[in-house]
Amino acid sequence: MASVFPVVIVLVIVAGLMATSWVFTRKGPQQTLIRTSLMLTLACCYLMWAIAYLAQLHPLEVPRVNLALEH
């Protein structure tokens, strides 16, 4: 049985990348825009991955086997 452990591990990695993008963004007039763009991109990518992973882990509809096609 698969676990939710990879979701937590990837969340920690993404949070680390967000902190890194916050700290190491160059100073300038567009600093806030760049920080926001990087953090929003990371958050959206994480959410897309987590939803796809969890949807495969716990599907809403169980696959059905048609016994007539197996013969």
PDB file of N, CA and C in Angstrom:
ATOM      1  N   MET A   1       0.838  -1.181   0.000  1.00  0.00           N
ATOM      2  CA  MET A   1       0.000   0.000   0.000  1.00  0.00           C
ATOM      3  C   MET A   1       0.886   1.248   0.000  1.00  0.00           C
ATOM      4  N   ALA A   2       0.595   2.148  -0.876  1.00  0.00           N
ATOM      5  CA  ALA A   2       1.384   3.378  -0.985  1.00  0.00           C
ATOM      6  C   ALA A   2       1.014   4.324   0.160  1.00  0.00           C
ATOM      7  N   SER A   3       1.919   5.228   0.448  1.00  0.00           N
ATOM      8  CA  SER A   3       1.675   6.152   1.547  1.00  0.00           C
ATOM      9  C   SER A   3       1.681   7.588   1.050  1.00  0.00           C
ATOM     10  N   VAL A   4       1.377   8.486   1.952  1.00  0.00           N
ATOM     11  CA  VAL A   4       1.367   9.914   1.643  1.00  0.00           C
ATOM     12  C   VAL A   4       2.736  10.519   1.961  1.00  0.00           C
ATOM     13  N   PHE A   5       3.674   9.689   2.353  1.00  0.00           N
ATOM     14  CA  PHE A   5       5.022  10.140   2.708  1.00  0.00           C
ATOM     15  C   PHE A   5       5.697  10.940   1.582  1.00  0.00           C
ATOM     16  N   PRO A   6       5.626  10.519   0.307  1.00  0.00           N
ATOM     17  CA  PRO A   6       6.255  11.330  -0.753  1.00  0.00           C
ATOM     18  C   PRO A   6       5.668  12.738  -0.880  1.00  0.00           C
ATOM     19  N   VAL A   7       4.387  12.885  -0.574  1.00  0.00           N
ATOM     20  CA  VAL A   7       3.763  14.211  -0.656  1.00  0.00           C
ATOM     21  C   VAL A   7       4.387  15.148   0.375  1.00  0.00           C
ATOM     22  N   VAL A   8       4.643  14.646   1.560  1.00  0.00           N
ATOM     23  CA  VAL A   8       5.257  15.467   2.611  1.00  0.00           C
ATOM     24  C   VAL A   8       6.708  15.787   2.263  1.00  0.00           C
ATOM     25  N   ILE A   9       7.431  14.816   1.737  1.00  0.00           N
ATOM     26  CA  ILE A   9       8.830  15.044   1.360  1.00  0.00           C
ATOM     27  C   ILE A   9       8.932  16.113   0.268  1.00  0.00           C
ATOM     28  N   VAL A  10       8.091  16.009  -0.746  1.00  0.00           N
ATOM     29  CA  VAL A  10       8.122  16.996  -1.830  1.00  0.00           C
ATOM     30  C   VAL A  10       7.679  18.364  -1.314  1.00  0.00           C
ATOM     31  N   LEU A  11       6.743  18.390  -0.367  1.00  0.00           N
ATOM     32  CA  LEU A  11       6.329  19.662   0.226  1.00  0.00           C
ATOM     33  C   LEU A  11       7.498  20.346   0.932  1.00  0.00           C
ATOM     34  N   VAL A  12       8.295  19.584   1.660  1.00  0.00           N
ATOM     35  CA  VAL A  12       9.463  20.144   2.342  1.00  0.00           C
ATOM     36  C   VAL A  12      10.467  20.677   1.321  1.00  0.00           C
ATOM     37  N   ILE A  13      10.666  19.948   0.226  1.00  0.00           N
ATOM     38  CA  ILE A  13      11.589  20.394  -0.824  1.00  0.00           C
ATOM     39  C   ILE A  13      11.093  21.685  -1.468  1.00  0.00           C
ATOM     40  N   VAL A  14       9.802  21.740  -1.776  1.00  0.00           N
ATOM     41  CA  VAL A  14       9.234  22.939  -2.405  1.00  0.00           C
ATOM     42  C   VAL A  14       9.293  24.129  -1.446  1.00  0.00           C
ATOM     43  N   ALA A  15       9.032  23.887  -0.164  1.00  0.00           N
ATOM     44  CA  ALA A  15       9.140  24.974   0.814  1.00  0.00           C
ATOM     45  C   ALA A  15      10.579  25.489   0.895  1.00  0.00           C
ATOM     46  N   GLY A  16      11.539  24.586   0.809  1.00  0.00           N
ATOM     47  CA  GLY A  16      12.944  25.002   0.785  1.00  0.00           C
ATOM     48  C   GLY A  16      13.275  25.822  -0.452  1.00  0.00           C
ATOM     49  N   LEU A  17      12.749  25.406  -1.592  1.00  0.00           N
ATOM     50  CA  LEU A  17      12.974  26.178  -2.819  1.00  0.00           C
ATOM     51  C   LEU A  17      12.309  27.551  -2.742  1.00  0.00           C
ATOM     52  N   MET A  18      11.142  27.617  -2.114  1.00  0.00           N
ATOM     53  CA  MET A  18      10.480  28.917  -1.942  1.00  0.00           C
ATOM     54  C   MET A  18      11.299  29.841  -1.049  1.00  0.00           C
ATOM     55  N   ALA A  19      11.827  29.291   0.038  1.00  0.00           N
ATOM     56  CA  ALA A  19      12.659  30.102   0.929  1.00  0.00           C
ATOM     57  C   ALA A  19      13.919  30.567   0.209  1.00  0.00           C
ATOM     58  N   THR A  20      14.495  29.677  -0.593  1.00  0.00           N
ATOM     59  CA  THR A  20      15.685  30.044  -1.361  1.00  0.00           C
ATOM     60  C   THR A  20      15.375  31.144  -2.369  1.00  0.00           C
ATOM     61  N   SER A  21      14.246  31.029  -3.051  1.00  0.00           N
ATOM     62  CA  SER A  21      13.886  32.072  -4.018  1.00  0.00           C
ATOM     63  C   SER A  21      13.591  33.393  -3.316  1.00  0.00           C
ATOM     64  N   TRP A  22      13.095  33.344  -2.090  1.00  0.00           N
ATOM     65  CA  TRP A  22      12.833  34.567  -1.337  1.00  0.00           C
ATOM     66  C   TRP A  22      14.134  35.252  -0.937  1.00  0.00           C
ATOM     67  N   VAL A  23      15.101  34.469  -0.478  1.00  0.00           N
ATOM     68  CA  VAL A  23      16.346  35.029   0.052  1.00  0.00           C
ATOM     69  C   VAL A  23      17.277  35.501  -1.062  1.00  0.00           C
ATOM     70  N   PHE A  24      17.370  34.737  -2.147  1.00  0.00           N
ATOM     71  CA  PHE A  24      18.379  35.013  -3.162  1.00  0.00           C
ATOM     72  C   PHE A  24      17.876  35.787  -4.378  1.00  0.00           C
ATOM     73  N   THR A  25      16.700  36.378  -4.290  1.00  0.00           N
ATOM     74  CA  THR A  25      16.222  37.229  -5.376  1.00  0.00           C
ATOM     75  C   THR A  25      16.997  38.543  -5.355  1.00  0.00           C
ATOM     76  N   ARG A  26      17.480  38.952  -6.513  1.00  0.00           N
ATOM     77  CA  ARG A  26      18.283  40.173  -6.595  1.00  0.00           C
ATOM     78  C   ARG A  26      17.451  41.404  -6.247  1.00  0.00           C
ATOM     79  N   LYS A  27      18.116  42.368  -5.665  1.00  0.00           N
ATOM     80  CA  LYS A  27      17.464  43.639  -5.326  1.00  0.00           C
ATOM     81  C   LYS A  27      17.200  44.415  -6.605  1.00  0.00           C
ATOM     82  N   GLY A  28      16.109  45.132  -6.610  1.00  0.00           N
ATOM     83  CA  GLY A  28      15.782  45.936  -7.770  1.00  0.00           C
ATOM     84  C   GLY A  28      14.327  46.344  -7.739  1.00  0.00           C
ATOM     85  N   PRO A  29      13.915  47.080  -8.763  1.00  0.00           N
ATOM     86  CA  PRO A  29      12.531  47.571  -8.768  1.00  0.00           C
ATOM     87  C   PRO A  29      11.490  46.449  -8.962  1.00  0.00           C
ATOM     88  N   GLN A  30      11.900  45.338  -9.548  1.00  0.00           N
ATOM     89  CA  GLN A  30      10.967  44.241  -9.808  1.00  0.00           C
ATOM     90  C   GLN A  30      11.142  43.075  -8.834  1.00  0.00           C
ATOM     91  N   GLN A  31      11.781  43.302  -7.703  1.00  0.00           N
ATOM     92  CA  GLN A  31      12.079  42.227  -6.759  1.00  0.00           C
ATOM     93  C   GLN A  31      10.801  41.546  -6.253  1.00  0.00           C
ATOM     94  N   THR A  32       9.793  42.326  -5.923  1.00  0.00           N
ATOM     95  CA  THR A  32       8.542  41.757  -5.418  1.00  0.00           C
ATOM     96  C   THR A  32       7.852  40.931  -6.489  1.00  0.00           C
ATOM     97  N   LEU A  33       7.861  41.400  -7.705  1.00  0.00           N
ATOM     98  CA  LEU A  33       7.237  40.675  -8.808  1.00  0.00           C
ATOM     99  C   LEU A  33       7.946  39.349  -9.070  1.00  0.00           C
ATOM    100  N   ILE A  34       9.264  39.368  -9.053  1.00  0.00           N
ATOM    101  CA  ILE A  34      10.040  38.144  -9.291  1.00  0.00           C
ATOM    102  C   ILE A  34       9.818  37.146  -8.162  1.00  0.00           C
ATOM    103  N   ARG A  35       9.847  37.615  -6.920  1.00  0.00           N
ATOM    104  CA  ARG A  35       9.598  36.717  -5.783  1.00  0.00           C
ATOM    105  C   ARG A  35       8.210  36.086  -5.872  1.00  0.00           C
ATOM    106  N   THR A  36       7.226  36.909  -6.135  1.00  0.00           N
ATOM    107  CA  THR A  36       5.858  36.416  -6.216  1.00  0.00           C
ATOM    108  C   THR A  36       5.702  35.419  -7.351  1.00  0.00           C
ATOM    109  N   SER A  37       6.301  35.707  -8.490  1.00  0.00           N
ATOM    110  CA  SER A  37       6.206  34.805  -9.641  1.00  0.00           C
ATOM    111  C   SER A  37       6.857  33.458  -9.353  1.00  0.00           C
ATOM    112  N   LEU A  38       8.048  33.481  -8.762  1.00  0.00           N
ATOM    113  CA  LEU A  38       8.742  32.234  -8.446  1.00  0.00           C
ATOM    114  C   LEU A  38       7.972  31.402  -7.423  1.00  0.00           C
ATOM    115  N   MET A  39       7.494  32.047  -6.375  1.00  0.00           N
ATOM    116  CA  MET A  39       6.786  31.312  -5.326  1.00  0.00           C
ATOM    117  C   MET A  39       5.435  30.795  -5.816  1.00  0.00           C
ATOM    118  N   LEU A  40       4.747  31.563  -6.621  1.00  0.00           N
ATOM    119  CA  LEU A  40       3.466  31.119  -7.174  1.00  0.00           C
ATOM    120  C   LEU A  40       3.666  29.963  -8.150  1.00  0.00           C
ATOM    121  N   THR A  41       4.719  30.019  -8.941  1.00  0.00           N
ATOM    122  CA  THR A  41       5.031  28.925  -9.857  1.00  0.00           C
ATOM    123  C   THR A  41       5.324  27.643  -9.100  1.00  0.00           C
ATOM    124  N   LEU A  42       6.139  27.728  -8.064  1.00  0.00           N
ATOM    125  CA  LEU A  42       6.452  26.543  -7.263  1.00  0.00           C
ATOM    126  C   LEU A  42       5.206  25.982  -6.576  1.00  0.00           C
ATOM    127  N   ALA A  43       4.369  26.856  -6.049  1.00  0.00           N
ATOM    128  CA  ALA A  43       3.151  26.399  -5.374  1.00  0.00           C
ATOM    129  C   ALA A  43       2.203  25.713  -6.350  1.00  0.00           C
ATOM    130  N   CYS A  44       2.033  26.282  -7.534  1.00  0.00           N
ATOM    131  CA  CYS A  44       1.138  25.680  -8.529  1.00  0.00           C
ATOM    132  C   CYS A  44       1.678  24.340  -9.033  1.00  0.00           C
ATOM    133  N   CYS A  45       2.974  24.267  -9.263  1.00  0.00           N
ATOM    134  CA  CYS A  45       3.564  22.991  -9.701  1.00  0.00           C
ATOM    135  C   CYS A  45       3.411  21.923  -8.628  1.00  0.00           C
ATOM    136  N   TYR A  46       3.615  22.303  -7.365  1.00  0.00           N
ATOM    137  CA  TYR A  46       3.452  21.338  -6.280  1.00  0.00           C
ATOM    138  C   TYR A  46       2.003  20.864  -6.183  1.00  0.00           C
ATOM    139  N   LEU A  47       1.064  21.791  -6.246  1.00  0.00           N
ATOM    140  CA  LEU A  47      -0.344  21.410  -6.151  1.00  0.00           C
ATOM    141  C   LEU A  47      -0.760  20.501  -7.300  1.00  0.00           C
ATOM    142  N   MET A  48      -0.295  20.789  -8.504  1.00  0.00           N
ATOM    143  CA  MET A  48      -0.626  19.942  -9.648  1.00  0.00           C
ATOM    144  C   MET A  48      -0.056  18.545  -9.463  1.00  0.00           C
ATOM    145  N   TRP A  49       1.187  18.455  -9.029  1.00  0.00           N
ATOM    146  CA  TRP A  49       1.805  17.147  -8.802  1.00  0.00           C
ATOM    147  C   TRP A  49       1.092  16.398  -7.685  1.00  0.00           C
ATOM    148  N   ALA A  50       0.801  17.070  -6.578  1.00  0.00           N
ATOM    149  CA  ALA A  50       0.169  16.409  -5.437  1.00  0.00           C
ATOM    150  C   ALA A  50      -1.229  15.906  -5.784  1.00  0.00           C
ATOM    151  N   ILE A  51      -1.999  16.688  -6.512  1.00  0.00           N
ATOM    152  CA  ILE A  51      -3.343  16.263  -6.903  1.00  0.00           C
ATOM    153  C   ILE A  51      -3.277  15.060  -7.835  1.00  0.00           C
ATOM    154  N   ALA A  52      -2.361  15.097  -8.800  1.00  0.00           N
ATOM    155  CA  ALA A  52      -2.227  13.967  -9.720  1.00  0.00           C
ATOM    156  C   ALA A  52      -1.755  12.713  -8.979  1.00  0.00           C
ATOM    157  N   TYR A  53      -0.817  12.853  -8.054  1.00  0.00           N
ATOM    158  CA  TYR A  53      -0.304  11.717  -7.289  1.00  0.00           C
ATOM    159  C   TYR A  53      -1.389  11.129  -6.396  1.00  0.00           C
ATOM    160  N   LEU A  54      -2.092  11.981  -5.679  1.00  0.00           N
ATOM    161  CA  LEU A  54      -3.126  11.496  -4.771  1.00  0.00           C
ATOM    162  C   LEU A  54      -4.332  10.937  -5.518  1.00  0.00           C
ATOM    163  N   ALA A  55      -4.620  11.450  -6.708  1.00  0.00           N
ATOM    164  CA  ALA A  55      -5.717  10.903  -7.507  1.00  0.00           C
ATOM    165  C   ALA A  55      -5.394   9.489  -7.970  1.00  0.00           C
ATOM    166  N   GLN A  56      -4.135   9.202  -8.228  1.00  0.00           N
ATOM    167  CA  GLN A  56      -3.745   7.848  -8.592  1.00  0.00           C
ATOM    168  C   GLN A  56      -3.677   6.943  -7.366  1.00  0.00           C
ATOM    169  N   LEU A  57      -3.368   7.520  -6.233  1.00  0.00           N
ATOM    170  CA  LEU A  57      -3.263   6.749  -4.998  1.00  0.00           C
ATOM    171  C   LEU A  57      -4.635   6.310  -4.497  1.00  0.00           C
ATOM    172  N   HIS A  58      -5.615   7.205  -4.591  1.00  0.00           N
ATOM    173  CA  HIS A  58      -6.979   6.928  -4.136  1.00  0.00           C
ATOM    174  C   HIS A  58      -7.961   7.354  -5.230  1.00  0.00           C
ATOM    175  N   PRO A  59      -8.174   6.526  -6.252  1.00  0.00           N
ATOM    176  CA  PRO A  59      -9.073   6.917  -7.344  1.00  0.00           C
ATOM    177  C   PRO A  59     -10.524   7.021  -6.879  1.00  0.00           C
ATOM    178  N   LEU A  60     -11.289   7.896  -7.521  1.00  0.00           N
ATOM    179  CA  LEU A  60     -12.696   8.067  -7.175  1.00  0.00           C
ATOM    180  C   LEU A  60     -13.529   6.890  -7.666  1.00  0.00           C
ATOM    181  N   GLU A  61     -13.157   6.347  -8.804  1.00  0.00           N
ATOM    182  CA  GLU A  61     -13.889   5.229  -9.380  1.00  0.00           C
ATOM    183  C   GLU A  61     -12.927   4.054  -9.558  1.00  0.00           C
ATOM    184  N   VAL A  62     -13.315   2.915  -9.031  1.00  0.00           N
ATOM    185  CA  VAL A  62     -12.471   1.729  -9.104  1.00  0.00           C
ATOM    186  C   VAL A  62     -12.574   1.129 -10.503  1.00  0.00           C
ATOM    187  N   PRO A  63     -11.448   0.749 -11.112  1.00  0.00           N
ATOM    188  CA  PRO A  63     -11.493   0.136 -12.443  1.00  0.00           C
ATOM    189  C   PRO A  63     -12.306  -1.171 -12.407  1.00  0.00           C
ATOM    190  N   ARG A  64     -13.070  -1.396 -13.450  1.00  0.00           N
ATOM    191  CA  ARG A  64     -13.899  -2.597 -13.545  1.00  0.00           C
ATOM    192  C   ARG A  64     -13.274  -3.580 -14.514  1.00  0.00           C
ATOM    193  N   VAL A  65     -13.366  -4.872 -14.199  1.00  0.00           N
ATOM    194  CA  VAL A  65     -12.832  -5.917 -15.051  1.00  0.00           C
ATOM    195  C   VAL A  65     -13.994  -6.574 -15.780  1.00  0.00           C
ATOM    196  N   ASN A  66     -13.887  -6.632 -17.105  1.00  0.00           N
ATOM    197  CA  ASN A  66     -14.910  -7.295 -17.910  1.00  0.00           C
ATOM    198  C   ASN A  66     -14.417  -8.711 -18.192  1.00  0.00           C
ATOM    199  N   LEU A  67     -15.035  -9.691 -17.557  1.00  0.00           N
ATOM    200  CA  LEU A  67     -14.585 -11.076 -17.684  1.00  0.00           C
ATOM    201  C   LEU A  67     -14.841 -11.651 -19.074  1.00  0.00           C
ATOM    202  N   ALA A  68     -15.777 -11.104 -19.824  1.00  0.00           N
ATOM    203  CA  ALA A  68     -16.072 -11.604 -21.160  1.00  0.00           C
ATOM    204  C   ALA A  68     -14.925 -11.325 -22.134  1.00  0.00           C
ATOM    205  N   LEU A  69     -14.188 -10.258 -21.921  1.00  0.00           N
ATOM    206  CA  LEU A  69     -13.099  -9.885 -22.821  1.00  0.00           C
ATOM    207  C   LEU A  69     -11.811 -10.658 -22.524  1.00  0.00           C
ATOM    208  N   GLU A  70     -11.708 -11.302 -21.363  1.00  0.00           N
ATOM    209  CA  GLU A  70     -10.489 -11.997 -20.988  1.00  0.00           C
ATOM    210  C   GLU A  70     -10.318 -13.346 -21.677  1.00  0.00           C
ATOM    211  N   HIS A  71     -11.372 -13.961 -22.199  1.00  0.00           N
ATOM    212  CA  HIS A  71     -11.288 -15.305 -22.803  1.00  0.00           C
ATOM    213  C   HIS A  71     -10.751 -15.240 -24.181  1.00  0.00           C
TER     214      HIS A  71
END
